[in-house]
Protein backbone atom coordinates (compact mmCIF):
# COMPACT_ATOMS: atom_id res chain seq x y z
CA UNK A 1 -38.55 -16.53 0.19
CA UNK A 2 -39.17 -17.82 3.67
CA UNK A 3 -40.12 -15.93 6.76
CA UNK A 4 -36.48 -15.57 7.95
CA UNK A 5 -35.38 -13.92 4.79
CA UNK A 6 -38.36 -11.62 4.81
CA UNK A 7 -37.52 -10.50 8.35
CA UNK A 8 -33.95 -9.92 7.49
CA UNK A 9 -34.94 -7.71 4.45
CA UNK A 10 -37.26 -5.75 6.58
CA UNK A 11 -34.48 -4.96 8.96
CA UNK A 12 -32.34 -3.64 6.11
CA UNK A 13 -30.09 -6.66 5.67
CA UNK A 14 -30.07 -8.08 2.21
CA UNK A 15 -30.23 -11.92 1.76
CA UNK A 16 -27.72 -13.89 -0.13
CA UNK A 17 -30.17 -14.55 -2.95
CA UNK A 18 -30.73 -10.92 -3.87
CA UNK A 19 -27.43 -10.65 -5.77
CA UNK A 20 -26.07 -7.53 -3.99
CA UNK A 21 -22.33 -7.07 -4.41
CA UNK A 22 -20.48 -5.05 -1.82
CA UNK A 23 -16.95 -3.74 -2.51
CA UNK A 24 -14.68 -2.23 0.04
CA UNK A 25 -11.79 -0.01 -0.96
CA UNK A 26 -9.16 1.28 1.36
CA UNK A 27 -8.72 5.07 1.22
CA UNK A 28 -5.11 5.91 1.45
CA UNK A 29 -3.54 9.24 2.48
CA UNK A 30 -0.93 10.87 0.20
CA UNK A 31 2.09 9.52 2.10
CA UNK A 32 0.70 5.91 2.13
CA UNK A 33 -0.45 6.11 -1.58
CA UNK A 34 3.09 7.28 -2.54
CA UNK A 35 4.63 3.94 -1.68
CA UNK A 36 5.84 2.49 -4.94
CA UNK A 37 5.04 -0.84 -6.47
CA UNK A 38 8.57 -2.32 -6.73
CA UNK A 39 9.87 -5.74 -7.79
CA UNK A 40 9.70 -8.25 -4.95
CA UNK A 41 13.45 -8.56 -4.23
CA UNK A 42 13.74 -4.66 -4.03
CA UNK A 43 10.80 -4.55 -1.63
CA UNK A 44 12.33 -7.22 0.63
CA UNK A 45 15.68 -5.22 0.60
CA UNK A 46 13.84 -2.08 1.59
CA UNK A 47 12.02 -4.00 4.38
CA UNK A 48 15.37 -5.32 5.58
CA UNK A 49 16.91 -1.80 5.49
CA UNK A 50 13.77 -0.23 7.22
CA UNK A 51 14.07 -2.91 9.99
CA UNK A 52 17.65 -2.18 11.01
CA UNK A 53 18.01 1.52 10.04
CA UNK A 54 14.66 3.26 10.17
CA UNK A 55 13.93 5.27 7.16
CA UNK A 56 16.71 3.98 5.00
CA UNK A 57 14.48 1.55 3.05
CA UNK A 58 11.97 4.31 2.48
CA UNK A 59 14.68 6.55 1.26
CA UNK A 60 15.88 3.87 -1.17
CA UNK A 61 12.30 3.30 -2.37
CA UNK A 62 11.97 6.96 -3.24
CA UNK A 63 14.53 6.50 -6.01
CA UNK A 64 12.58 3.63 -7.47
CA UNK A 65 9.86 6.19 -8.20
CA UNK A 66 12.44 8.03 -10.32
CA UNK A 67 13.26 4.77 -12.18
CA UNK A 68 9.63 4.38 -13.17
CA UNK A 69 7.99 2.47 -10.35
CA UNK A 70 4.21 3.22 -10.30
CA UNK A 71 2.29 4.41 -7.28
CA UNK A 72 -1.31 4.96 -6.23
CA UNK A 73 -0.92 8.64 -7.07
CA UNK A 74 -1.12 8.64 -10.90
CA UNK A 75 -2.23 12.29 -11.09
CA UNK A 76 0.86 13.56 -9.25
CA UNK A 77 4.11 14.29 -10.96
CA UNK A 78 7.06 11.90 -10.47
CA UNK A 79 9.04 14.45 -8.54
CA UNK A 80 6.26 15.18 -6.16
CA UNK A 81 5.82 11.45 -5.30
CA UNK A 82 9.62 11.26 -4.98
CA UNK A 83 9.64 14.13 -2.36
CA UNK A 84 6.59 12.53 -0.50
CA UNK A 85 8.69 9.37 -0.06
CA UNK A 86 11.69 11.43 1.12
CA UNK A 87 9.43 13.21 3.63
CA UNK A 88 8.21 9.86 4.88
CA UNK A 89 11.81 8.73 5.37
CA UNK A 90 12.65 11.88 7.15
CA UNK A 91 9.67 11.46 9.53
CA UNK A 92 10.72 7.90 10.18
CA UNK A 93 14.29 8.98 10.96
CA UNK A 94 13.27 11.87 13.14
CA UNK A 95 10.68 9.90 15.25
CA UNK A 96 12.85 6.74 15.56
CA UNK A 97 14.30 8.23 18.76
CA UNK A 98 10.98 7.59 20.50
CA UNK A 99 10.37 4.20 18.69
CA UNK A 100 7.52 5.58 16.73
CA UNK A 101 9.60 6.00 13.62
CA UNK A 102 11.13 2.58 13.89
CA UNK A 103 7.67 0.90 14.15
CA UNK A 104 6.39 3.10 11.30
CA UNK A 105 9.44 2.12 9.23
CA UNK A 106 8.97 -1.59 9.69
CA UNK A 107 5.21 -1.27 8.77
CA UNK A 108 6.15 0.83 5.75
CA UNK A 109 8.54 -1.97 4.62
CA UNK A 110 5.83 -4.58 5.17
CA UNK A 111 3.52 -2.41 2.95
CA UNK A 112 6.22 -2.37 0.24
CA UNK A 113 6.41 -6.16 0.30
CA UNK A 114 2.64 -6.53 0.25
CA UNK A 115 2.35 -4.19 -2.66
CA UNK A 116 5.15 -6.04 -4.51
CA UNK A 117 3.31 -9.37 -3.97
CA UNK A 118 -0.09 -8.01 -5.09
CA UNK A 119 1.53 -6.48 -8.21
CA UNK A 120 3.19 -9.74 -9.02
CA UNK A 121 -0.19 -11.53 -8.78
CA UNK A 122 -1.77 -8.84 -10.96
CA UNK A 123 0.99 -9.31 -13.60
CA UNK A 124 0.60 -13.12 -13.54
CA UNK A 125 -3.29 -12.90 -13.86
CA UNK A 126 -3.46 -10.48 -16.75
CA UNK A 127 -0.25 -10.24 -18.78
CA UNK A 128 -1.81 -8.15 -21.51
CA UNK A 129 -1.79 -5.04 -19.25
CA UNK A 130 1.90 -5.15 -18.33
């Protein structure tokens, strides 16, 4: 190791040759973790509905949970996750008057599409786990 790497290690920064792997995971709240992993066309439809009628796409996505869509809340019962999605839709509808709900609704729809895309890539990468 040269002098620069030694100085960096003394300051608490690891060098690229030390083999340290850093993994960052997003911690989601219960409402955010209740967003279901839907097929891509359904997620796009929910985004479209959320864009023009705040909360409607979130309301539709709640029923996909009852149809077997998985979420990031595996320890919660299906009915509990359904009601969390209904609550999110209700919050979006109530706060749409002051634009907060409309913006939240659009971001919620974008999260649905992002989850659908990431789930599709996971299915393509490892077909044995489907």
